[in-house]
Amino acid sequence: MAEAHWTPRMVEDRIEEAAFTLRRLPDPRLQQARSSWPPIIHEFHDAYGAEPARLRLGPPSAAAIDRMDEVLAWLMWVEPDE
């Protein structure tokens, strides 16, 4: 089986995916007291679109986390600009 030849675009795509995956990981500081109940709506305008809806994404897959870990290991080979 032939190995894949990496292109600059493939590397860029992988780094972008890693950044997106990292943003989707749960923040350990927020894991303390969480509830599975929806937030309580106190005012009418809170319930009916006074603020724009936010898109909530679920946690990343195990495969995405593995690819992110691989990209983070690449960073030790990057030389800082002086």
PDB file of N, CA and C in Angstrom:
ATOM      1  N   MET A   1       0.842  -1.180   0.000  1.00  0.00           N
ATOM      2  CA  MET A   1       0.000   0.000   0.000  1.00  0.00           C
ATOM      3  C   MET A   1       0.888   1.245   0.000  1.00  0.00           C
ATOM      4  N   ALA A   2       0.616   2.158  -0.888  1.00  0.00           N
ATOM      5  CA  ALA A   2       1.416   3.378  -0.999  1.00  0.00           C
ATOM      6  C   ALA A   2       1.010   4.370   0.092  1.00  0.00           C
ATOM      7  N   GLU A   3       1.995   5.079   0.608  1.00  0.00           N
ATOM      8  CA  GLU A   3       1.723   6.107   1.616  1.00  0.00           C
ATOM      9  C   GLU A   3       1.151   7.348   0.951  1.00  0.00           C
ATOM     10  N   ALA A   4       0.309   8.043   1.702  1.00  0.00           N
ATOM     11  CA  ALA A   4      -0.265   9.288   1.178  1.00  0.00           C
ATOM     12  C   ALA A   4       0.811  10.364   1.161  1.00  0.00           C
ATOM     13  N   HIS A   5       0.811  11.157   0.124  1.00  0.00           N
ATOM     14  CA  HIS A   5       1.738  12.278   0.027  1.00  0.00           C
ATOM     15  C   HIS A   5       1.011  13.521   0.517  1.00  0.00           C
ATOM     16  N   TRP A   6       1.547  14.122   1.548  1.00  0.00           N
ATOM     17  CA  TRP A   6       0.910  15.293   2.139  1.00  0.00           C
ATOM     18  C   TRP A   6       1.167  16.531   1.286  1.00  0.00           C
ATOM     19  N   THR A   7       0.129  17.308   1.112  1.00  0.00           N
ATOM     20  CA  THR A   7       0.244  18.585   0.421  1.00  0.00           C
ATOM     21  C   THR A   7       0.090  19.689   1.465  1.00  0.00           C
ATOM     22  N   PRO A   8       0.537  20.910   1.176  1.00  0.00           N
ATOM     23  CA  PRO A   8       0.334  22.003   2.125  1.00  0.00           C
ATOM     24  C   PRO A   8      -1.140  22.196   2.473  1.00  0.00           C
ATOM     25  N   ARG A   9      -2.024  21.997   1.505  1.00  0.00           N
ATOM     26  CA  ARG A   9      -3.465  22.155   1.761  1.00  0.00           C
ATOM     27  C   ARG A   9      -3.971  21.095   2.743  1.00  0.00           C
ATOM     28  N   MET A  10      -3.472  19.865   2.620  1.00  0.00           N
ATOM     29  CA  MET A  10      -3.874  18.797   3.542  1.00  0.00           C
ATOM     30  C   MET A  10      -3.430  19.119   4.964  1.00  0.00           C
ATOM     31  N   VAL A  11      -2.221  19.647   5.106  1.00  0.00           N
ATOM     32  CA  VAL A  11      -1.723  20.026   6.431  1.00  0.00           C
ATOM     33  C   VAL A  11      -2.565  21.161   7.000  1.00  0.00           C
ATOM     34  N   GLU A  12      -2.864  22.147   6.160  1.00  0.00           N
ATOM     35  CA  GLU A  12      -3.693  23.275   6.603  1.00  0.00           C
ATOM     36  C   GLU A  12      -5.077  22.800   7.054  1.00  0.00           C
ATOM     37  N   ASP A  13      -5.676  21.897   6.283  1.00  0.00           N
ATOM     38  CA  ASP A  13      -6.989  21.359   6.650  1.00  0.00           C
ATOM     39  C   ASP A  13      -6.929  20.617   7.984  1.00  0.00           C
ATOM     40  N   ARG A  14      -5.863  19.857   8.191  1.00  0.00           N
ATOM     41  CA  ARG A  14      -5.734  19.086   9.435  1.00  0.00           C
ATOM     42  C   ARG A  14      -5.554  20.021  10.629  1.00  0.00           C
ATOM     43  N   ILE A  15      -4.788  21.095  10.459  1.00  0.00           N
ATOM     44  CA  ILE A  15      -4.597  22.059  11.551  1.00  0.00           C
ATOM     45  C   ILE A  15      -5.910  22.767  11.863  1.00  0.00           C
ATOM     46  N   GLU A  16      -6.666  23.140  10.838  1.00  0.00           N
ATOM     47  CA  GLU A  16      -7.969  23.776  11.052  1.00  0.00           C
ATOM     48  C   GLU A  16      -8.917  22.838  11.787  1.00  0.00           C
ATOM     49  N   GLU A  17      -8.933  21.571  11.395  1.00  0.00           N
ATOM     50  CA  GLU A  17      -9.790  20.595  12.069  1.00  0.00           C
ATOM     51  C   GLU A  17      -9.378  20.442  13.527  1.00  0.00           C
ATOM     52  N   ALA A  18      -8.083  20.426  13.795  1.00  0.00           N
ATOM     53  CA  ALA A  18      -7.595  20.286  15.169  1.00  0.00           C
ATOM     54  C   ALA A  18      -8.038  21.476  16.027  1.00  0.00           C
ATOM     55  N   ALA A  19      -7.969  22.672  15.474  1.00  0.00           N
ATOM     56  CA  ALA A  19      -8.407  23.861  16.211  1.00  0.00           C
ATOM     57  C   ALA A  19      -9.905  23.787  16.502  1.00  0.00           C
ATOM     58  N   PHE A  20     -10.690  23.364  15.518  1.00  0.00           N
ATOM     59  CA  PHE A  20     -12.135  23.227  15.700  1.00  0.00           C
ATOM     60  C   PHE A  20     -12.435  22.166  16.761  1.00  0.00           C
ATOM     61  N   THR A  21     -11.712  21.058  16.724  1.00  0.00           N
ATOM     62  CA  THR A  21     -11.899  19.986  17.708  1.00  0.00           C
ATOM     63  C   THR A  21     -11.542  20.481  19.100  1.00  0.00           C
ATOM     64  N   LEU A  22     -10.459  21.199  19.223  1.00  0.00           N
ATOM     65  CA  LEU A  22     -10.031  21.720  20.521  1.00  0.00           C
ATOM     66  C   LEU A  22     -11.075  22.654  21.119  1.00  0.00           C
ATOM     67  N   ARG A  23     -11.691  23.488  20.275  1.00  0.00           N
ATOM     68  CA  ARG A  23     -12.748  24.394  20.766  1.00  0.00           C
ATOM     69  C   ARG A  23     -13.975  23.633  21.240  1.00  0.00           C
ATOM     70  N   ARG A  24     -14.230  22.453  20.677  1.00  0.00           N
ATOM     71  CA  ARG A  24     -15.420  21.687  21.045  1.00  0.00           C
ATOM     72  C   ARG A  24     -15.233  20.821  22.279  1.00  0.00           C
ATOM     73  N   LEU A  25     -14.000  20.669  22.743  1.00  0.00           N
ATOM     74  CA  LEU A  25     -13.788  19.878  23.955  1.00  0.00           C
ATOM     75  C   LEU A  25     -14.385  20.607  25.158  1.00  0.00           C
ATOM     76  N   PRO A  26     -14.945  19.870  26.121  1.00  0.00           N
ATOM     77  CA  PRO A  26     -15.520  20.531  27.284  1.00  0.00           C
ATOM     78  C   PRO A  26     -14.457  21.215  28.126  1.00  0.00           C
ATOM     79  N   ASP A  27     -14.821  22.345  28.685  1.00  0.00           N
ATOM     80  CA  ASP A  27     -13.922  23.103  29.558  1.00  0.00           C
ATOM     81  C   ASP A  27     -13.988  22.482  30.952  1.00  0.00           C
ATOM     82  N   PRO A  28     -12.881  21.945  31.462  1.00  0.00           N
ATOM     83  CA  PRO A  28     -12.931  21.290  32.778  1.00  0.00           C
ATOM     84  C   PRO A  28     -13.346  22.238  33.898  1.00  0.00           C
ATOM     85  N   ARG A  29     -13.137  23.535  33.709  1.00  0.00           N
ATOM     86  CA  ARG A  29     -13.552  24.491  34.746  1.00  0.00           C
ATOM     87  C   ARG A  29     -15.061  24.594  34.848  1.00  0.00           C
ATOM     88  N   LEU A  30     -15.776  24.211  33.791  1.00  0.00           N
ATOM     89  CA  LEU A  30     -17.230  24.318  33.792  1.00  0.00           C
ATOM     90  C   LEU A  30     -17.921  23.003  34.127  1.00  0.00           C
ATOM     91  N   GLN A  31     -17.173  21.992  34.481  1.00  0.00           N
ATOM     92  CA  GLN A  31     -17.743  20.674  34.725  1.00  0.00           C
ATOM     93  C   GLN A  31     -18.241  20.489  36.161  1.00  0.00           C
ATOM     94  N   GLN A  32     -18.201  21.502  36.973  1.00  0.00           N
ATOM     95  CA  GLN A  32     -18.544  21.348  38.384  1.00  0.00           C
ATOM     96  C   GLN A  32     -20.023  21.060  38.573  1.00  0.00           C
ATOM     97  N   ALA A  33     -20.836  22.063  38.638  1.00  0.00           N
ATOM     98  CA  ALA A  33     -22.255  21.889  38.905  1.00  0.00           C
ATOM     99  C   ALA A  33     -23.044  22.149  37.639  1.00  0.00           C
ATOM    100  N   ARG A  34     -23.374  21.090  36.943  1.00  0.00           N
ATOM    101  CA  ARG A  34     -24.152  21.222  35.716  1.00  0.00           C
ATOM    102  C   ARG A  34     -25.466  20.487  35.889  1.00  0.00           C
ATOM    103  N   SER A  35     -26.437  20.935  35.173  1.00  0.00           N
ATOM    104  CA  SER A  35     -27.748  20.322  35.227  1.00  0.00           C
ATOM    105  C   SER A  35     -28.170  19.923  33.824  1.00  0.00           C
ATOM    106  N   SER A  36     -28.927  18.847  33.718  1.00  0.00           N
ATOM    107  CA  SER A  36     -29.440  18.447  32.415  1.00  0.00           C
ATOM    108  C   SER A  36     -30.774  19.124  32.116  1.00  0.00           C
ATOM    109  N   TRP A  37     -31.293  19.883  33.066  1.00  0.00           N
ATOM    110  CA  TRP A  37     -32.535  20.620  32.849  1.00  0.00           C
ATOM    111  C   TRP A  37     -32.266  21.829  31.955  1.00  0.00           C
ATOM    112  N   PRO A  38     -33.248  22.184  31.126  1.00  0.00           N
ATOM    113  CA  PRO A  38     -33.068  23.392  30.301  1.00  0.00           C
ATOM    114  C   PRO A  38     -33.102  24.639  31.177  1.00  0.00           C
ATOM    115  N   PRO A  39     -32.540  25.745  30.680  1.00  0.00           N
ATOM    116  CA  PRO A  39     -32.557  26.969  31.486  1.00  0.00           C
ATOM    117  C   PRO A  39     -33.988  27.467  31.697  1.00  0.00           C
ATOM    118  N   ILE A  40     -34.232  28.065  32.822  1.00  0.00           N
ATOM    119  CA  ILE A  40     -35.549  28.596  33.143  1.00  0.00           C
ATOM    120  C   ILE A  40     -35.742  29.911  32.392  1.00  0.00           C
ATOM    121  N   ILE A  41     -36.900  30.058  31.768  1.00  0.00           N
ATOM    122  CA  ILE A  41     -37.243  31.282  31.048  1.00  0.00           C
ATOM    123  C   ILE A  41     -38.030  32.171  32.010  1.00  0.00           C
ATOM    124  N   HIS A  42     -37.471  33.318  32.352  1.00  0.00           N
ATOM    125  CA  HIS A  42     -38.116  34.203  33.311  1.00  0.00           C
ATOM    126  C   HIS A  42     -38.963  35.283  32.646  1.00  0.00           C
ATOM    127  N   GLU A  43     -38.612  35.677  31.452  1.00  0.00           N
ATOM    128  CA  GLU A  43     -39.301  36.779  30.779  1.00  0.00           C
ATOM    129  C   GLU A  43     -39.770  36.329  29.397  1.00  0.00           C
ATOM    130  N   PHE A  44     -40.855  36.913  28.913  1.00  0.00           N
ATOM    131  CA  PHE A  44     -41.406  36.577  27.614  1.00  0.00           C
ATOM    132  C   PHE A  44     -40.386  36.794  26.497  1.00  0.00           C
ATOM    133  N   HIS A  45     -39.693  37.945  26.519  1.00  0.00           N
ATOM    134  CA  HIS A  45     -38.748  38.239  25.428  1.00  0.00           C
ATOM    135  C   HIS A  45     -37.550  37.297  25.437  1.00  0.00           C
ATOM    136  N   ASP A  46     -37.248  36.662  26.584  1.00  0.00           N
ATOM    137  CA  ASP A  46     -36.171  35.670  26.629  1.00  0.00           C
ATOM    138  C   ASP A  46     -36.558  34.413  25.844  1.00  0.00           C
ATOM    139  N   ALA A  47     -37.838  34.105  25.838  1.00  0.00           N
ATOM    140  CA  ALA A  47     -38.296  32.877  25.189  1.00  0.00           C
ATOM    141  C   ALA A  47     -38.511  33.033  23.693  1.00  0.00           C
ATOM    142  N   TYR A  48     -38.737  34.254  23.215  1.00  0.00           N
ATOM    143  CA  TYR A  48     -39.163  34.422  21.831  1.00  0.00           C
ATOM    144  C   TYR A  48     -38.250  35.319  21.015  1.00  0.00           C
ATOM    145  N   GLY A  49     -36.992  34.996  20.984  1.00  0.00           N
ATOM    146  CA  GLY A  49     -36.092  35.569  19.999  1.00  0.00           C
ATOM    147  C   GLY A  49     -35.577  36.967  20.254  1.00  0.00           C
ATOM    148  N   ALA A  50     -35.491  37.403  21.488  1.00  0.00           N
ATOM    149  CA  ALA A  50     -34.880  38.701  21.752  1.00  0.00           C
ATOM    150  C   ALA A  50     -33.380  38.646  21.449  1.00  0.00           C
ATOM    151  N   GLU A  51     -32.806  37.475  21.600  1.00  0.00           N
ATOM    152  CA  GLU A  51     -31.391  37.268  21.288  1.00  0.00           C
ATOM    153  C   GLU A  51     -31.292  36.229  20.175  1.00  0.00           C
ATOM    154  N   PRO A  52     -30.287  36.347  19.325  1.00  0.00           N
ATOM    155  CA  PRO A  52     -30.150  35.368  18.243  1.00  0.00           C
ATOM    156  C   PRO A  52     -29.861  33.966  18.795  1.00  0.00           C
ATOM    157  N   ALA A  53     -30.357  32.968  18.099  1.00  0.00           N
ATOM    158  CA  ALA A  53     -30.127  31.580  18.505  1.00  0.00           C
ATOM    159  C   ALA A  53     -28.652  31.229  18.340  1.00  0.00           C
ATOM    160  N   ARG A  54     -28.146  30.384  19.233  1.00  0.00           N
ATOM    161  CA  ARG A  54     -26.762  29.918  19.144  1.00  0.00           C
ATOM    162  C   ARG A  54     -26.755  28.460  18.715  1.00  0.00           C
ATOM    163  N   LEU A  55     -25.833  28.127  17.852  1.00  0.00           N
ATOM    164  CA  LEU A  55     -25.669  26.753  17.425  1.00  0.00           C
ATOM    165  C   LEU A  55     -24.790  26.041  18.443  1.00  0.00           C
ATOM    166  N   ARG A  56     -25.288  24.936  18.956  1.00  0.00           N
ATOM    167  CA  ARG A  56     -24.498  24.145  19.908  1.00  0.00           C
ATOM    168  C   ARG A  56     -24.076  22.851  19.237  1.00  0.00           C
ATOM    169  N   LEU A  57     -22.789  22.618  19.230  1.00  0.00           N
ATOM    170  CA  LEU A  57     -22.254  21.395  18.640  1.00  0.00           C
ATOM    171  C   LEU A  57     -21.936  20.405  19.733  1.00  0.00           C
ATOM    172  N   GLY A  58     -22.116  19.150  19.434  1.00  0.00           N
ATOM    173  CA  GLY A  58     -21.793  18.112  20.400  1.00  0.00           C
ATOM    174  C   GLY A  58     -20.294  17.936  20.525  1.00  0.00           C
ATOM    175  N   PRO A  59     -19.879  17.055  21.415  1.00  0.00           N
ATOM    176  CA  PRO A  59     -18.437  16.824  21.587  1.00  0.00           C
ATOM    177  C   PRO A  59     -17.844  16.171  20.347  1.00  0.00           C
ATOM    178  N   PRO A  60     -16.542  16.349  20.129  1.00  0.00           N
ATOM    179  CA  PRO A  60     -15.901  15.744  18.958  1.00  0.00           C
ATOM    180  C   PRO A  60     -15.799  14.229  19.106  1.00  0.00           C
ATOM    181  N   SER A  61     -15.653  13.560  17.990  1.00  0.00           N
ATOM    182  CA  SER A  61     -15.513  12.094  18.001  1.00  0.00           C
ATOM    183  C   SER A  61     -14.121  11.714  18.514  1.00  0.00           C
ATOM    184  N   ALA A  62     -13.998  10.463  18.877  1.00  0.00           N
ATOM    185  CA  ALA A  62     -12.692   9.958  19.335  1.00  0.00           C
ATOM    186  C   ALA A  62     -11.660  10.052  18.214  1.00  0.00           C
ATOM    187  N   ALA A  63     -12.076   9.802  16.975  1.00  0.00           N
ATOM    188  CA  ALA A  63     -11.150   9.891  15.836  1.00  0.00           C
ATOM    189  C   ALA A  63     -10.674  11.325  15.635  1.00  0.00           C
ATOM    190  N   ALA A  64     -11.573  12.297  15.807  1.00  0.00           N
ATOM    191  CA  ALA A  64     -11.184  13.707  15.668  1.00  0.00           C
ATOM    192  C   ALA A  64     -10.198  14.093  16.762  1.00  0.00           C
ATOM    193  N   ILE A  65     -10.393  13.585  17.956  1.00  0.00           N
ATOM    194  CA  ILE A  65      -9.466  13.877  19.058  1.00  0.00           C
ATOM    195  C   ILE A  65      -8.102  13.250  18.777  1.00  0.00           C
ATOM    196  N   ASP A  66      -8.087  12.034  18.236  1.00  0.00           N
ATOM    197  CA  ASP A  66      -6.811  11.394  17.866  1.00  0.00           C
ATOM    198  C   ASP A  66      -6.067  12.219  16.814  1.00  0.00           C
ATOM    199  N   ARG A  67      -6.789  12.715  15.797  1.00  0.00           N
ATOM    200  CA  ARG A  67      -6.147  13.545  14.772  1.00  0.00           C
ATOM    201  C   ARG A  67      -5.646  14.854  15.365  1.00  0.00           C
ATOM    202  N   MET A  68      -6.405  15.432  16.311  1.00  0.00           N
ATOM    203  CA  MET A  68      -5.977  16.659  16.984  1.00  0.00           C
ATOM    204  C   MET A  68      -4.685  16.406  17.762  1.00  0.00           C
ATOM    205  N   ASP A  69      -4.627  15.289  18.482  1.00  0.00           N
ATOM    206  CA  ASP A  69      -3.420  14.951  19.235  1.00  0.00           C
ATOM    207  C   ASP A  69      -2.212  14.815  18.314  1.00  0.00           C
ATOM    208  N   GLU A  70      -2.425  14.242  17.135  1.00  0.00           N
ATOM    209  CA  GLU A  70      -1.333  14.106  16.168  1.00  0.00           C
ATOM    210  C   GLU A  70      -0.836  15.487  15.733  1.00  0.00           C
ATOM    211  N   VAL A  71      -1.760  16.406  15.452  1.00  0.00           N
ATOM    212  CA  VAL A  71      -1.381  17.758  15.031  1.00  0.00           C
ATOM    213  C   VAL A  71      -0.654  18.476  16.160  1.00  0.00           C
ATOM    214  N   LEU A  72      -1.114  18.324  17.399  1.00  0.00           N
ATOM    215  CA  LEU A  72      -0.442  18.977  18.516  1.00  0.00           C
ATOM    216  C   LEU A  72       0.991  18.467  18.668  1.00  0.00           C
ATOM    217  N   ALA A  73       1.226  17.202  18.343  1.00  0.00           N
ATOM    218  CA  ALA A  73       2.594  16.667  18.382  1.00  0.00           C
ATOM    219  C   ALA A  73       3.458  17.298  17.293  1.00  0.00           C
ATOM    220  N   TRP A  74       2.841  17.678  16.175  1.00  0.00           N
ATOM    221  CA  TRP A  74       3.598  18.338  15.098  1.00  0.00           C
ATOM    222  C   TRP A  74       4.181  19.657  15.576  1.00  0.00           C
ATOM    223  N   LEU A  75       3.516  20.305  16.509  1.00  0.00           N
ATOM    224  CA  LEU A  75       3.928  21.651  16.920  1.00  0.00           C
ATOM    225  C   LEU A  75       5.313  21.691  17.560  1.00  0.00           C
ATOM    226  N   MET A  76       5.761  20.570  18.113  1.00  0.00           N
ATOM    227  CA  MET A  76       7.105  20.599  18.718  1.00  0.00           C
ATOM    228  C   MET A  76       8.196  20.697  17.658  1.00  0.00           C
ATOM    229  N   TRP A  77       7.855  20.434  16.385  1.00  0.00           N
ATOM    230  CA  TRP A  77       8.825  20.521  15.304  1.00  0.00           C
ATOM    231  C   TRP A  77       8.844  21.912  14.663  1.00  0.00           C
ATOM    232  N   VAL A  78       7.916  22.763  15.052  1.00  0.00           N
ATOM    233  CA  VAL A  78       7.852  24.116  14.481  1.00  0.00           C
ATOM    234  C   VAL A  78       8.818  25.023  15.220  1.00  0.00           C
ATOM    235  N   GLU A  79       9.652  25.709  14.483  1.00  0.00           N
ATOM    236  CA  GLU A  79      10.616  26.619  15.090  1.00  0.00           C
ATOM    237  C   GLU A  79       9.963  27.992  15.276  1.00  0.00           C
ATOM    238  N   PRO A  80      10.086  28.591  16.454  1.00  0.00           N
ATOM    239  CA  PRO A  80       9.483  29.898  16.665  1.00  0.00           C
ATOM    240  C   PRO A  80      10.219  30.974  15.863  1.00  0.00           C
ATOM    241  N   ASP A  81       9.470  31.983  15.434  1.00  0.00           N
ATOM    242  CA  ASP A  81      10.099  33.124  14.764  1.00  0.00           C
ATOM    243  C   ASP A  81      10.870  33.934  15.789  1.00  0.00           C
ATOM    244  N   GLU A  82      12.022  34.418  15.387  1.00  0.00           N
ATOM    245  CA  GLU A  82      12.821  35.196  16.326  1.00  0.00           C
ATOM    246  C   GLU A  82      12.821  36.658  15.953  1.00  0.00           C
TER     247      GLU A  82
END
